[in-house]
Amino acid sequence: MQTARGGGPRLEREVPQIGGQLDDERCKEVISFMNHLSDGKIIMLKMKETFEYRQRLIHNPAESHTVLSGFPRLLDTKGLTHQDFSLLFGPETSAKLLEKWHTFYKCKVIREAESLTTTPVLQSLLRSARNQHNDDCPVM
């Protein structure tokens, strides 16, 4: 594991071992299945079961761009990002993120997203973020 001061999104972290994780083949089946689900509780459970698989995708430079297209429920199911953050960092750190999101992190995330290579999904997410709170963060 890489150690660096300050952390950040590019810091390589150990992924905690979460019980009930599925093997890669079963993850692929569940990912396909989730695209047809509407029950939020089942989606949350299936996303938890595929957490380690998703973390490997996120940290693989050749695959990281596929996370949102492979897991579109991250875009339309409230609480999934929070669940992943809680699994990765623990409930205390996750609660701190939620406390500081609107006052500290949101604008930084939007600015970082604006510097990424543009894609239709990214543009849609940026439009949505700007429309939700257009007076909080100045457009860069």
C-alpha atoms as a PDB file:
ATOM      1  CA  MET A   1       0.000   0.000   0.000  1.00  0.00           C
ATOM      2  CA  GLN A   2       1.275   3.440  -0.915  1.00  0.00           C
ATOM      3  CA  THR A   3       1.626   5.943   1.896  1.00  0.00           C
ATOM      4  CA  ALA A   4       1.321   9.606   1.116  1.00  0.00           C
ATOM      5  CA  ARG A   5       0.505  12.658   3.156  1.00  0.00           C
ATOM      6  CA  GLY A   6      -2.788  14.305   2.428  1.00  0.00           C
ATOM      7  CA  GLY A   7      -4.565  11.338   0.853  1.00  0.00           C
ATOM      8  CA  GLY A   8      -6.744  12.268  -2.065  1.00  0.00           C
ATOM      9  CA  PRO A   9      -8.557  10.293  -4.745  1.00  0.00           C
ATOM     10  CA  ARG A  10      -5.395   8.955  -6.368  1.00  0.00           C
ATOM     11  CA  LEU A  11      -3.948   7.538  -3.151  1.00  0.00           C
ATOM     12  CA  GLU A  12      -3.765   3.765  -3.354  1.00  0.00           C
ATOM     13  CA  ARG A  13      -5.629   2.336  -0.380  1.00  0.00           C
ATOM     14  CA  GLU A  14      -6.166  -1.117   0.994  1.00  0.00           C
ATOM     15  CA  VAL A  15      -9.712  -2.223   0.310  1.00  0.00           C
ATOM     16  CA  PRO A  16     -11.200  -3.604   3.509  1.00  0.00           C
ATOM     17  CA  GLN A  17     -12.323  -7.199   3.366  1.00  0.00           C
ATOM     18  CA  ILE A  18     -16.122  -7.174   3.325  1.00  0.00           C
ATOM     19  CA  GLY A  19     -17.954 -10.404   4.020  1.00  0.00           C
ATOM     20  CA  GLY A  20     -20.303 -11.824   1.415  1.00  0.00           C
ATOM     21  CA  GLN A  21     -18.355 -10.669  -1.639  1.00  0.00           C
ATOM     22  CA  LEU A  22     -19.042 -12.402  -4.937  1.00  0.00           C
ATOM     23  CA  ASP A  23     -16.422 -13.834  -7.284  1.00  0.00           C
ATOM     24  CA  ASP A  24     -15.808 -11.985 -10.560  1.00  0.00           C
ATOM     25  CA  GLU A  25     -18.059 -14.240 -12.661  1.00  0.00           C
ATOM     26  CA  ARG A  26     -20.976 -13.919 -10.244  1.00  0.00           C
ATOM     27  CA  CYS A  27     -20.380 -10.124 -10.054  1.00  0.00           C
ATOM     28  CA  LYS A  28     -20.846  -9.855 -13.810  1.00  0.00           C
ATOM     29  CA  GLU A  29     -24.148 -11.748 -13.553  1.00  0.00           C
ATOM     30  CA  VAL A  30     -25.350  -9.543 -10.686  1.00  0.00           C
ATOM     31  CA  ILE A  31     -24.354  -6.350 -12.525  1.00  0.00           C
ATOM     32  CA  SER A  32     -26.526  -7.386 -15.469  1.00  0.00           C
ATOM     33  CA  PHE A  33     -29.359  -8.341 -13.100  1.00  0.00           C
ATOM     34  CA  MET A  34     -29.204  -4.974 -11.259  1.00  0.00           C
ATOM     35  CA  ASN A  35     -29.931  -3.054 -14.449  1.00  0.00           C
ATOM     36  CA  HIS A  36     -33.456  -4.502 -14.344  1.00  0.00           C
ATOM     37  CA  LEU A  37     -34.148  -3.965 -10.631  1.00  0.00           C
ATOM     38  CA  SER A  38     -36.193  -1.202  -9.065  1.00  0.00           C
ATOM     39  CA  ASP A  39     -36.124  -2.340  -5.409  1.00  0.00           C
ATOM     40  CA  GLY A  40     -33.658  -0.029  -3.659  1.00  0.00           C
ATOM     41  CA  LYS A  41     -32.974  -2.479  -0.807  1.00  0.00           C
ATOM     42  CA  ILE A  42     -31.965  -5.263  -3.189  1.00  0.00           C
ATOM     43  CA  ILE A  43     -29.836  -2.840  -5.226  1.00  0.00           C
ATOM     44  CA  MET A  44     -28.054  -1.717  -2.034  1.00  0.00           C
ATOM     45  CA  LEU A  45     -27.389  -5.365  -1.078  1.00  0.00           C
ATOM     46  CA  LYS A  46     -26.119  -6.318  -4.547  1.00  0.00           C
ATOM     47  CA  MET A  47     -23.896  -3.237  -4.682  1.00  0.00           C
ATOM     48  CA  LYS A  48     -22.441  -4.211  -1.309  1.00  0.00           C
ATOM     49  CA  GLU A  49     -21.776  -7.737  -2.610  1.00  0.00           C
ATOM     50  CA  THR A  50     -19.895  -6.292  -5.606  1.00  0.00           C
ATOM     51  CA  PHE A  51     -17.919  -3.678  -3.622  1.00  0.00           C
ATOM     52  CA  GLU A  52     -14.476  -5.320  -3.917  1.00  0.00           C
ATOM     53  CA  TYR A  53     -14.993  -5.985  -7.636  1.00  0.00           C
ATOM     54  CA  ARG A  54     -15.935  -2.321  -8.154  1.00  0.00           C
ATOM     55  CA  GLN A  55     -12.908  -1.150  -6.184  1.00  0.00           C
ATOM     56  CA  ARG A  56     -10.628  -3.216  -8.436  1.00  0.00           C
ATOM     57  CA  LEU A  57     -12.231  -1.548 -11.470  1.00  0.00           C
ATOM     58  CA  ILE A  58     -11.845   1.912  -9.963  1.00  0.00           C
ATOM     59  CA  HIS A  59      -8.134   1.382  -9.318  1.00  0.00           C
ATOM     60  CA  ASN A  60      -7.384  -0.180 -12.701  1.00  0.00           C
ATOM     61  CA  PRO A  61      -6.467   2.674 -15.087  1.00  0.00           C
ATOM     62  CA  ALA A  62      -7.576   0.628 -18.095  1.00  0.00           C
ATOM     63  CA  GLU A  63     -11.014  -0.037 -16.567  1.00  0.00           C
ATOM     64  CA  SER A  64     -11.805   2.906 -14.262  1.00  0.00           C
ATOM     65  CA  HIS A  65     -13.675   4.798 -16.988  1.00  0.00           C
ATOM     66  CA  THR A  66     -16.235   1.945 -17.127  1.00  0.00           C
ATOM     67  CA  VAL A  67     -17.425   2.150 -13.517  1.00  0.00           C
ATOM     68  CA  LEU A  68     -20.439   4.407 -14.117  1.00  0.00           C
ATOM     69  CA  SER A  69     -21.481   2.646 -17.314  1.00  0.00           C
ATOM     70  CA  GLY A  70     -21.023  -0.745 -15.649  1.00  0.00           C
ATOM     71  CA  PHE A  71     -22.789   0.329 -12.467  1.00  0.00           C
ATOM     72  CA  PRO A  72     -25.418   2.828 -13.660  1.00  0.00           C
ATOM     73  CA  ARG A  73     -27.351   2.376 -10.401  1.00  0.00           C
ATOM     74  CA  LEU A  74     -24.699   4.625  -8.798  1.00  0.00           C
ATOM     75  CA  LEU A  75     -26.317   7.442 -10.780  1.00  0.00           C
ATOM     76  CA  ASP A  76     -29.954   6.803  -9.913  1.00  0.00           C
ATOM     77  CA  THR A  77     -30.092   5.096  -6.509  1.00  0.00           C
ATOM     78  CA  LYS A  78     -29.785   7.355  -3.504  1.00  0.00           C
ATOM     79  CA  GLY A  79     -27.290   6.196  -0.898  1.00  0.00           C
ATOM     80  CA  LEU A  80     -25.020   3.975  -3.007  1.00  0.00           C
ATOM     81  CA  THR A  81     -22.056   6.352  -3.025  1.00  0.00           C
ATOM     82  CA  HIS A  82     -22.459   6.819   0.714  1.00  0.00           C
ATOM     83  CA  GLN A  83     -22.566   3.031   1.186  1.00  0.00           C
ATOM     84  CA  ASP A  84     -19.325   2.552  -0.780  1.00  0.00           C
ATOM     85  CA  PHE A  85     -17.668   5.387   1.112  1.00  0.00           C
ATOM     86  CA  SER A  86     -18.762   3.817   4.431  1.00  0.00           C
ATOM     87  CA  LEU A  87     -17.424   0.412   3.382  1.00  0.00           C
ATOM     88  CA  LEU A  88     -14.101   1.931   2.331  1.00  0.00           C
ATOM     89  CA  PHE A  89     -13.522   4.397   5.180  1.00  0.00           C
ATOM     90  CA  GLY A  90     -15.889   3.381   7.977  1.00  0.00           C
ATOM     91  CA  PRO A  91     -19.055   5.014   9.312  1.00  0.00           C
ATOM     92  CA  GLU A  92     -17.353   7.833  11.266  1.00  0.00           C
ATOM     93  CA  THR A  93     -15.404   9.160   8.276  1.00  0.00           C
ATOM     94  CA  SER A  94     -18.463   8.715   6.083  1.00  0.00           C
ATOM     95  CA  ALA A  95     -20.566  10.796   8.486  1.00  0.00           C
ATOM     96  CA  LYS A  96     -17.925  13.556   8.401  1.00  0.00           C
ATOM     97  CA  LEU A  97     -18.089  13.598   4.599  1.00  0.00           C
ATOM     98  CA  LEU A  98     -21.852  14.091   4.682  1.00  0.00           C
ATOM     99  CA  GLU A  99     -21.537  16.857   7.278  1.00  0.00           C
ATOM    100  CA  LYS A 100     -19.038  18.786   5.156  1.00  0.00           C
ATOM    101  CA  TRP A 101     -20.312  17.939   1.656  1.00  0.00           C
ATOM    102  CA  HIS A 102     -22.221  21.142   0.830  1.00  0.00           C
ATOM    103  CA  THR A 103     -19.879  23.542   2.595  1.00  0.00           C
ATOM    104  CA  PHE A 104     -16.511  22.122   1.599  1.00  0.00           C
ATOM    105  CA  TYR A 105     -16.335  19.211  -0.839  1.00  0.00           C
ATOM    106  CA  LYS A 106     -19.064  19.716  -3.433  1.00  0.00           C
ATOM    107  CA  CYS A 107     -17.441  22.665  -5.232  1.00  0.00           C
ATOM    108  CA  LYS A 108     -14.054  20.932  -5.229  1.00  0.00           C
ATOM    109  CA  VAL A 109     -15.555  17.801  -6.792  1.00  0.00           C
ATOM    110  CA  ILE A 110     -17.318  19.861  -9.465  1.00  0.00           C
ATOM    111  CA  ARG A 111     -14.088  21.740 -10.280  1.00  0.00           C
ATOM    112  CA  GLU A 112     -12.166  18.464 -10.517  1.00  0.00           C
ATOM    113  CA  ALA A 113     -14.861  16.974 -12.781  1.00  0.00           C
ATOM    114  CA  GLU A 114     -14.662  20.026 -15.053  1.00  0.00           C
ATOM    115  CA  SER A 115     -10.969  19.292 -15.635  1.00  0.00           C
ATOM    116  CA  LEU A 116     -11.582  15.684 -16.752  1.00  0.00           C
ATOM    117  CA  THR A 117     -11.884  14.515 -20.341  1.00  0.00           C
ATOM    118  CA  THR A 118     -15.462  15.241 -21.248  1.00  0.00           C
ATOM    119  CA  THR A 119     -17.957  12.474 -21.930  1.00  0.00           C
ATOM    120  CA  PRO A 120     -21.745  12.626 -22.329  1.00  0.00           C
ATOM    121  CA  VAL A 121     -22.209  11.075 -18.863  1.00  0.00           C
ATOM    122  CA  LEU A 122     -19.805  13.565 -17.281  1.00  0.00           C
ATOM    123  CA  GLN A 123     -21.545  16.486 -18.964  1.00  0.00           C
ATOM    124  CA  SER A 124     -24.920  15.243 -17.748  1.00  0.00           C
ATOM    125  CA  LEU A 125     -23.643  14.903 -14.188  1.00  0.00           C
ATOM    126  CA  LEU A 126     -22.079  18.366 -14.245  1.00  0.00           C
ATOM    127  CA  ARG A 127     -25.318  19.916 -15.571  1.00  0.00           C
ATOM    128  CA  SER A 128     -27.261  18.185 -12.822  1.00  0.00           C
ATOM    129  CA  ALA A 129     -24.829  19.336 -10.113  1.00  0.00           C
ATOM    130  CA  ARG A 130     -24.907  22.912 -11.384  1.00  0.00           C
ATOM    131  CA  ASN A 131     -28.734  22.941 -11.631  1.00  0.00           C
ATOM    132  CA  GLN A 132     -29.192  21.608  -8.101  1.00  0.00           C
ATOM    133  CA  HIS A 133     -27.093  24.270  -6.441  1.00  0.00           C
ATOM    134  CA  ASN A 134     -26.189  26.816  -9.092  1.00  0.00           C
ATOM    135  CA  ASP A 135     -25.537  29.585  -6.572  1.00  0.00           C
ATOM    136  CA  ASP A 136     -23.199  27.549  -4.340  1.00  0.00           C
ATOM    137  CA  CYS A 137     -20.332  27.016  -6.784  1.00  0.00           C
ATOM    138  CA  PRO A 138     -19.260  29.538  -9.409  1.00  0.00           C
ATOM    139  CA  VAL A 139     -18.985  28.104 -12.931  1.00  0.00           C
ATOM    140  CA  MET A 140     -15.340  27.805 -13.938  1.00  0.00           C
END
